[in-house]
Amino acid sequence: MRVKLICIVSMFLFNAHSQSSLFTNSKYNVEYYCPPCGCPDDDKTFQSPGVCASCNMAYNTRVKGLENKPTNTSPRRAAAILLFDYADIMDVTGPMSVFEHAGFNVVTVAKDENPKRIGRYTDLTPDYTFLNLPKVDVIVVPGGGPAERNQDMDIVNWLKEKDKSTDTMFSVCSGAFYLALAGILDGNEATTFASLIPALREQFPQIKVLNNVKYSNNGHVITSSGLSSGIDASFEVVAKYYGVGGAQDIANHMEYPWKRRNDYVRTQLADNYIIGINNLIRRFATKYTYSEGDMNEWEYRFILWSEVDKKAFINLVNAEIEKLDGFLKSKKGKTFIKAEINHKDLKNGIIELNILKKENKTEVSLRAKRLRPVSSSKS
């Protein structure tokens, strides 16, 4: 027994010594460091993988012994964000934040050097004007009132000129109208803010205007639908240069759920069946308690004012449902309505209204659902 124990201990010591030798004599030596971000621990080195205590970013690595590995580093990209008075603030700052986190050199540009009112309350002074902007990889064209009507033709002509020398032209929301006027969207797919899609389609029949995507991408031109969709499309721009994996890593770091081209498109949400009826019912309610759904189903709930004549209320709502475009048929009772409608974008669906007693209150449930469910997983 003693001999056997000595053998086991000897083998253990030998293996431990061998592993230690392998480590100390390893061909490779790993070093961990905080990525440059401006925190006190920038470029400090650490002994093991982890997260920086100062900035909460995961450590980067350097490996000695890989000096001969071929490098495949991407150049630092540059993005210029167009400023004009009353550009929407999210259209400007959403892409700005994404590109900054992606390591782009981000600058702003405007027709002249004067500060521009972004949104209603924020003034931004442009870094460059149309005359002195250096070459950039991406030009971002935000939306906002002036992009939708009475467009500044100096902006349109500048975009037309820069299109030839800029790798990516990117519009957010109604910024698509600027690109359309410049002829940059001719023959391409494009999208814009949901309620402006008919106007873009009518004004520019040479463009294939899409109403079922968060953004379009033909390689050179990327357009997004409204507001926060510009953030999703910004990740699409980042993916063009640094790959989908790199873009997703940045989204994860920003704690942002990157929604792809066909995810949760405003014009495709099931609430489009009942959005007008919803606004009508609110007038009779003392409290709006619930709203949730997706592309296939949506439900609103309200607390009905106690003085409402329920019979008159049901008759009125049913009459208004019958006025909806694509109305097919309906059935109503003392406390319910069930109607079928053929919506121009969503196709056939059901609208249901139910009046329910909840404790001492009367609740109204307004629901809508597609008869043919769709998936948001299309690419």
Protein backbone atom coordinates (compact mmCIF):
# COMPACT_ATOMS: atom_id res chain seq x y z
CA MET A 1 0.00 0.00 0.00
CA ARG A 2 2.84 2.39 0.94
CA VAL A 3 4.62 1.69 -2.39
CA LYS A 4 1.40 2.33 -4.31
CA LEU A 5 0.84 5.65 -2.50
CA ILE A 6 4.40 6.79 -3.23
CA CYS A 7 3.89 6.00 -6.93
CA ILE A 8 0.66 8.02 -7.08
CA VAL A 9 2.26 11.02 -5.35
CA SER A 10 5.27 10.80 -7.66
CA MET A 11 3.07 10.73 -10.75
CA PHE A 12 1.10 13.72 -9.50
CA LEU A 13 4.25 15.73 -8.84
CA PHE A 14 5.65 14.78 -12.24
CA ASN A 15 2.46 15.84 -14.05
CA ALA A 16 2.29 19.10 -12.11
CA HIS A 17 5.94 19.82 -12.90
CA SER A 18 5.37 18.94 -16.56
CA GLN A 19 2.34 21.24 -16.82
CA SER A 20 4.23 24.02 -15.07
CA SER A 21 7.12 23.56 -17.49
CA LEU A 22 4.76 23.62 -20.43
CA PHE A 23 3.28 26.88 -19.16
CA THR A 24 6.55 28.62 -18.39
CA ASN A 25 8.19 27.39 -21.58
CA SER A 26 5.07 27.94 -23.68
CA LYS A 27 5.47 29.28 -27.18
CA TYR A 28 2.76 31.80 -26.39
CA ASN A 29 2.43 34.35 -23.60
CA VAL A 30 -0.90 36.09 -22.99
CA GLU A 31 -1.29 39.61 -21.66
CA TYR A 32 -4.62 41.24 -20.79
CA TYR A 33 -5.21 44.99 -20.91
CA CYS A 34 -7.99 47.52 -20.64
CA PRO A 35 -8.97 48.80 -24.10
CA PRO A 36 -8.38 52.53 -24.58
CA CYS A 37 -11.58 54.26 -23.49
CA GLY A 38 -10.45 57.16 -21.32
CA CYS A 39 -10.74 55.42 -17.94
CA PRO A 40 -7.91 55.43 -15.32
CA ASP A 41 -6.92 51.85 -16.24
CA ASP A 42 -6.37 52.49 -19.95
CA ASP A 43 -3.68 50.09 -21.24
CA LYS A 44 -2.87 48.69 -17.81
CA THR A 45 -2.00 44.99 -17.98
CA PHE A 46 -3.57 42.17 -15.97
CA GLN A 47 -2.78 38.50 -15.36
CA SER A 48 -6.11 36.90 -16.25
CA PRO A 49 -9.25 37.45 -18.31
CA GLY A 50 -11.81 39.73 -16.75
CA VAL A 51 -13.65 43.01 -16.79
CA CYS A 52 -12.08 46.38 -16.05
CA ALA A 53 -13.15 47.68 -12.62
CA SER A 54 -13.07 51.27 -13.88
CA CYS A 55 -15.00 51.08 -17.16
CA ASN A 56 -16.64 47.63 -17.00
CA MET A 57 -15.30 46.69 -20.44
CA ALA A 58 -13.89 43.23 -21.07
CA TYR A 59 -10.10 43.14 -21.25
CA ASN A 60 -8.46 42.95 -24.65
CA THR A 61 -5.61 40.49 -25.19
CA ARG A 62 -2.10 40.58 -26.60
CA VAL A 63 -0.40 37.27 -27.37
CA LYS A 64 3.36 37.08 -27.71
CA GLY A 65 4.39 34.44 -30.20
CA LEU A 66 1.96 35.48 -32.93
CA GLU A 67 4.16 38.18 -34.37
CA ASN A 68 4.34 36.47 -37.75
CA LYS A 69 0.58 36.06 -38.08
CA PRO A 70 -0.73 37.97 -41.15
CA THR A 71 -2.62 41.06 -40.10
CA ASN A 72 -6.11 41.80 -41.35
CA THR A 73 -6.84 45.09 -39.65
CA SER A 74 -9.58 47.33 -40.99
CA PRO A 75 -8.86 51.03 -41.38
CA ARG A 76 -10.66 53.42 -39.06
CA ARG A 77 -13.80 54.57 -40.79
CA ALA A 78 -15.24 58.09 -40.82
CA ALA A 79 -18.87 59.18 -40.77
CA ALA A 80 -20.25 62.68 -41.32
CA ILE A 81 -23.69 63.48 -39.93
CA LEU A 82 -25.60 66.20 -41.78
CA LEU A 83 -27.06 68.95 -39.59
CA PHE A 84 -29.88 71.33 -40.47
CA ASP A 85 -32.35 73.25 -38.34
CA TYR A 86 -35.01 71.01 -36.79
CA ALA A 87 -33.46 67.73 -37.83
CA ASP A 88 -34.86 65.11 -35.47
CA ILE A 89 -32.60 64.68 -32.46
CA MET A 90 -32.78 60.87 -32.42
CA ASP A 91 -32.00 60.71 -36.14
CA VAL A 92 -28.78 62.59 -35.37
CA THR A 93 -27.69 61.21 -32.01
CA GLY A 94 -28.73 57.56 -32.52
CA PRO A 95 -26.31 56.93 -35.41
CA MET A 96 -23.74 59.20 -33.73
CA SER A 97 -23.67 56.97 -30.64
CA VAL A 98 -23.48 53.71 -32.61
CA PHE A 99 -20.64 54.93 -34.84
CA GLU A 100 -18.75 56.36 -31.87
CA HIS A 101 -18.93 53.04 -30.01
CA ALA A 102 -17.83 51.27 -33.19
CA GLY A 103 -14.66 53.36 -33.29
CA PHE A 104 -15.59 55.52 -36.27
CA ASN A 105 -14.29 59.04 -36.52
CA VAL A 106 -17.61 60.90 -36.25
CA VAL A 107 -17.99 64.49 -37.42
CA THR A 108 -20.88 66.81 -38.23
CA VAL A 109 -21.35 68.87 -41.37
CA ALA A 110 -23.76 71.61 -42.42
CA LYS A 111 -24.39 74.12 -45.17
CA ASP A 112 -22.63 76.82 -43.14
CA GLU A 113 -20.78 77.17 -39.85
CA ASN A 114 -23.74 78.51 -37.85
CA PRO A 115 -25.14 76.37 -34.98
CA LYS A 116 -28.13 74.26 -35.98
CA ARG A 117 -31.19 73.64 -33.81
CA ILE A 118 -31.52 69.84 -33.49
CA GLY A 119 -34.94 68.83 -32.26
CA ARG A 120 -36.58 71.61 -30.29
CA TYR A 121 -34.01 72.39 -27.63
CA THR A 122 -30.47 71.44 -28.67
CA ASP A 123 -28.02 73.54 -30.67
CA LEU A 124 -25.05 71.84 -32.37
CA THR A 125 -22.23 73.68 -34.10
CA PRO A 126 -21.04 71.70 -37.15
CA ASP A 127 -17.43 70.57 -37.36
CA TYR A 128 -17.31 71.24 -41.10
CA THR A 129 -19.24 72.95 -43.86
CA PHE A 130 -20.05 71.68 -47.34
CA LEU A 131 -16.92 73.46 -48.60
CA ASN A 132 -14.31 71.92 -46.30
CA LEU A 133 -15.54 68.46 -45.27
CA PRO A 134 -12.69 65.94 -45.70
CA LYS A 135 -13.36 62.61 -47.38
CA VAL A 136 -15.53 60.29 -45.28
CA ASP A 137 -16.82 56.75 -45.72
CA VAL A 138 -20.41 57.44 -44.64
CA ILE A 139 -22.75 60.43 -44.92
CA VAL A 140 -25.75 60.27 -42.59
CA VAL A 141 -28.85 62.22 -43.66
CA PRO A 142 -31.32 62.58 -40.77
CA GLY A 143 -35.01 63.32 -41.04
CA GLY A 144 -37.16 66.05 -39.57
CA GLY A 145 -39.63 68.63 -40.86
CA PRO A 146 -37.37 70.29 -43.47
CA ALA A 147 -36.51 66.90 -44.94
CA GLU A 148 -40.18 66.22 -45.65
CA ARG A 149 -41.22 69.52 -47.20
CA ASN A 150 -39.67 72.72 -48.51
CA GLN A 151 -36.35 70.95 -48.81
CA ASP A 152 -33.19 73.03 -49.06
CA MET A 153 -31.93 72.43 -52.59
CA ASP A 154 -28.39 73.37 -51.53
CA ILE A 155 -28.45 70.22 -49.40
CA VAL A 156 -29.89 68.18 -52.27
CA ASN A 157 -27.23 69.37 -54.71
CA TRP A 158 -24.44 68.77 -52.20
CA LEU A 159 -25.62 65.20 -51.62
CA LYS A 160 -25.75 64.64 -55.37
CA GLU A 161 -22.15 65.82 -55.62
CA LYS A 162 -20.88 63.79 -52.61
CA ASP A 163 -22.63 60.62 -53.77
CA LYS A 164 -19.90 60.00 -56.34
CA SER A 165 -17.06 60.03 -53.80
CA THR A 166 -18.76 58.58 -50.69
CA ASP A 167 -18.87 54.84 -50.08
CA THR A 168 -22.14 54.77 -48.11
CA MET A 169 -25.10 57.16 -48.26
CA PHE A 170 -27.35 56.56 -45.27
CA SER A 171 -30.71 58.19 -44.55
CA VAL A 172 -32.75 58.02 -41.36
CA CYS A 173 -36.52 58.50 -41.34
CA SER A 174 -37.61 61.26 -43.74
CA GLY A 175 -34.00 61.94 -44.73
CA ALA A 176 -34.85 59.57 -47.58
CA PHE A 177 -36.61 62.49 -49.30
CA TYR A 178 -33.29 64.35 -49.56
CA LEU A 179 -31.65 61.29 -51.16
CA ALA A 180 -34.64 60.83 -53.45
CA LEU A 181 -34.53 64.42 -54.66
CA ALA A 182 -30.82 64.00 -55.36
CA GLY A 183 -31.60 60.96 -57.56
CA ILE A 184 -29.56 58.70 -55.29
CA LEU A 185 -32.47 56.30 -54.68
CA ASP A 186 -33.48 55.93 -58.33
CA GLY A 187 -33.98 52.27 -59.21
CA ASN A 188 -33.29 51.16 -55.63
CA GLU A 189 -35.29 49.87 -52.70
CA ALA A 190 -35.91 52.44 -49.97
CA THR A 191 -38.05 53.10 -46.93
CA THR A 192 -38.91 56.00 -44.64
CA PHE A 193 -41.11 56.98 -41.69
CA ALA A 194 -44.28 54.86 -41.73
CA SER A 195 -46.82 57.61 -42.37
CA LEU A 196 -44.64 59.11 -45.14
CA ILE A 197 -44.31 55.92 -47.17
CA PRO A 198 -47.31 56.73 -49.44
CA ALA A 199 -45.90 60.21 -50.13
CA LEU A 200 -42.44 58.86 -51.01
CA ARG A 201 -44.01 56.23 -53.26
CA GLU A 202 -46.25 58.74 -55.03
CA GLN A 203 -43.63 61.45 -55.43
CA PHE A 204 -40.86 59.12 -56.64
CA PRO A 205 -42.35 56.25 -58.69
CA GLN A 206 -38.86 55.30 -59.89
CA ILE A 207 -38.02 54.10 -56.36
CA LYS A 208 -39.16 50.73 -55.00
CA VAL A 209 -40.58 51.97 -51.70
CA LEU A 210 -40.91 49.22 -49.07
CA ASN A 211 -43.36 49.30 -46.18
CA ASN A 212 -42.40 46.02 -44.50
CA VAL A 213 -38.77 46.56 -43.45
CA LYS A 214 -36.96 48.51 -40.75
CA TYR A 215 -34.29 49.42 -43.27
CA SER A 216 -33.18 48.75 -46.83
CA ASN A 217 -29.63 48.09 -47.96
CA ASN A 218 -28.38 47.92 -51.54
CA GLY A 219 -24.72 48.15 -50.56
CA HIS A 220 -24.11 51.77 -51.44
CA VAL A 221 -27.37 53.23 -50.09
CA ILE A 222 -28.98 52.35 -46.77
CA THR A 223 -32.33 53.88 -45.76
CA SER A 224 -34.16 53.37 -42.48
CA SER A 225 -37.72 53.84 -41.37
CA GLY A 226 -38.58 56.12 -38.46
CA LEU A 227 -36.52 57.38 -35.56
CA SER A 228 -35.07 54.46 -33.56
CA SER A 229 -34.89 52.35 -36.73
CA GLY A 230 -31.94 54.57 -37.58
CA ILE A 231 -30.07 52.93 -34.72
CA ASP A 232 -30.76 49.46 -36.15
CA ALA A 233 -29.68 50.61 -39.61
CA SER A 234 -26.51 52.13 -38.12
CA PHE A 235 -25.50 48.65 -36.98
CA GLU A 236 -26.10 47.49 -40.55
CA VAL A 237 -23.60 50.16 -41.68
CA VAL A 238 -21.10 48.99 -39.04
CA ALA A 239 -21.58 45.39 -40.21
CA LYS A 240 -20.71 46.45 -43.75
CA TYR A 241 -17.24 47.48 -42.57
CA TYR A 242 -16.55 45.30 -39.53
CA GLY A 243 -18.81 42.28 -40.08
CA VAL A 244 -22.08 41.21 -38.47
CA GLY A 245 -20.18 39.72 -35.51
CA GLY A 246 -18.41 43.00 -34.83
CA ALA A 247 -21.66 44.96 -35.12
CA GLN A 248 -23.45 42.56 -32.77
CA ASP A 249 -20.63 42.84 -30.22
CA ILE A 250 -21.05 46.61 -30.20
CA ALA A 251 -24.83 46.27 -29.84
CA ASN A 252 -24.30 43.92 -26.88
CA HIS A 253 -21.88 46.36 -25.27
CA MET A 254 -24.46 49.14 -25.71
CA GLU A 255 -27.13 46.81 -24.23
CA TYR A 256 -29.16 47.37 -27.37
CA PRO A 257 -31.28 44.59 -28.94
CA TRP A 258 -30.27 45.07 -32.58
CA LYS A 259 -33.38 44.47 -34.66
CA ARG A 260 -32.73 43.33 -38.21
CA ARG A 261 -34.33 44.30 -41.49
CA ASN A 262 -37.69 42.55 -40.98
CA ASP A 263 -38.04 42.73 -37.20
CA TYR A 264 -40.93 44.65 -35.65
CA VAL A 265 -41.69 46.96 -38.55
CA ARG A 266 -44.08 49.78 -37.61
CA THR A 267 -46.28 49.42 -40.69
CA GLN A 268 -46.64 45.69 -40.05
CA LEU A 269 -47.67 45.75 -36.38
CA ALA A 270 -51.15 44.32 -35.79
CA ASP A 271 -52.27 47.51 -34.04
CA ASN A 272 -52.65 49.05 -37.50
CA TYR A 273 -56.02 47.27 -37.71
CA ILE A 274 -57.35 49.21 -34.72
CA ILE A 275 -55.21 52.32 -34.24
CA GLY A 276 -58.05 54.68 -35.20
CA ILE A 277 -60.67 52.81 -33.18
CA ASN A 278 -58.27 52.85 -30.22
CA ASN A 279 -58.17 56.65 -30.35
CA LEU A 280 -61.97 56.77 -30.41
CA ILE A 281 -62.38 54.47 -27.39
CA ARG A 282 -59.93 56.56 -25.35
CA ARG A 283 -62.48 59.38 -25.36
CA PHE A 284 -64.88 57.16 -23.37
CA ALA A 285 -62.25 55.86 -20.94
CA THR A 286 -61.01 57.18 -17.61
CA LYS A 287 -57.81 55.13 -17.77
CA TYR A 288 -55.71 53.51 -20.49
CA THR A 289 -54.29 50.44 -18.79
CA TYR A 290 -52.66 48.14 -21.33
CA SER A 291 -51.11 47.94 -24.79
CA GLU A 292 -49.07 45.01 -26.01
CA GLY A 293 -48.60 42.89 -29.10
CA ASP A 294 -46.55 42.18 -32.17
CA MET A 295 -46.93 41.79 -35.93
CA ASN A 296 -49.71 39.20 -35.55
CA GLU A 297 -51.78 40.27 -32.55
CA TRP A 298 -52.37 43.40 -30.47
CA GLU A 299 -54.56 44.26 -27.50
CA TYR A 300 -55.55 47.53 -25.82
CA ARG A 301 -57.40 47.76 -22.51
CA PHE A 302 -59.27 50.69 -20.97
CA ILE A 303 -61.38 51.47 -17.94
CA LEU A 304 -64.72 52.76 -19.23
CA TRP A 305 -66.24 55.85 -17.62
CA SER A 306 -69.10 54.72 -15.39
CA GLU A 307 -71.54 57.20 -16.99
CA VAL A 308 -71.12 55.81 -20.51
CA ASP A 309 -74.28 54.41 -22.11
CA LYS A 310 -72.95 50.97 -23.09
CA LYS A 311 -75.57 50.28 -25.74
CA ALA A 312 -74.92 53.59 -27.48
CA PHE A 313 -71.17 53.04 -27.09
CA ILE A 314 -71.33 49.60 -28.78
CA ASN A 315 -73.50 50.93 -31.60
CA LEU A 316 -71.15 53.86 -32.21
CA VAL A 317 -67.95 51.78 -32.24
CA ASN A 318 -69.52 49.21 -34.55
CA ALA A 319 -70.64 51.95 -36.95
CA GLU A 320 -67.12 53.41 -37.02
CA ILE A 321 -65.55 49.99 -37.62
CA GLU A 322 -67.85 49.58 -40.61
CA LYS A 323 -66.33 52.78 -42.06
CA LEU A 324 -62.80 51.35 -42.06
CA ASP A 325 -61.17 50.75 -45.43
CA GLY A 326 -61.43 47.06 -46.26
CA PHE A 327 -64.31 46.37 -43.85
CA LEU A 328 -65.93 42.99 -44.67
CA LYS A 329 -68.47 42.11 -41.98
CA SER A 330 -69.25 42.42 -38.27
CA LYS A 331 -71.38 40.91 -35.55
CA LYS A 332 -72.31 42.68 -32.34
CA GLY A 333 -74.07 41.91 -29.08
CA LYS A 334 -74.76 43.83 -25.89
CA THR A 335 -71.13 43.63 -24.75
CA PHE A 336 -69.09 42.64 -27.80
CA ILE A 337 -68.23 43.35 -31.42
CA LYS A 338 -66.43 40.97 -33.76
CA ALA A 339 -65.51 42.22 -37.22
CA GLU A 340 -63.43 41.06 -40.16
CA ILE A 341 -61.38 43.49 -42.21
CA ASN A 342 -59.06 43.29 -45.20
CA HIS A 343 -56.30 45.79 -44.38
CA LYS A 344 -54.27 47.11 -47.32
CA ASP A 345 -50.95 46.11 -45.68
CA LEU A 346 -51.87 43.44 -43.15
CA LYS A 347 -54.53 41.66 -45.25
CA ASN A 348 -57.35 39.75 -43.57
CA GLY A 349 -57.74 40.13 -39.83
CA ILE A 350 -60.18 40.11 -36.95
CA ILE A 351 -61.14 43.02 -34.67
CA GLU A 352 -62.75 42.16 -31.33
CA LEU A 353 -64.15 44.48 -28.69
CA ASN A 354 -65.39 43.12 -25.36
CA ILE A 355 -66.87 44.92 -22.35
CA LEU A 356 -65.99 43.13 -19.12
CA LYS A 357 -66.86 43.69 -15.47
CA LYS A 358 -63.67 43.82 -13.34
CA GLU A 359 -64.37 44.28 -9.64
CA ASN A 360 -66.24 47.60 -9.45
CA LYS A 361 -65.02 48.81 -12.83
CA THR A 362 -65.94 48.22 -16.45
CA GLU A 363 -63.02 47.24 -18.69
CA VAL A 364 -62.95 47.45 -22.47
CA SER A 365 -60.65 45.08 -24.34
CA LEU A 366 -59.89 45.91 -27.98
CA ARG A 367 -57.99 43.21 -29.83
CA ALA A 368 -56.80 42.62 -33.38
CA LYS A 369 -55.09 39.69 -35.03
CA ARG A 370 -54.06 38.55 -38.46
CA LEU A 371 -55.87 35.55 -39.89
CA ARG A 372 -52.59 34.50 -41.50
CA PRO A 373 -49.74 34.97 -39.02
CA VAL A 374 -46.40 36.15 -40.37
CA SER A 375 -42.87 35.61 -39.16
CA SER A 376 -40.40 38.43 -38.44
CA SER A 377 -37.42 36.17 -39.10
CA LYS A 378 -37.16 36.92 -42.83
CA SER A 379 -33.84 38.34 -43.91
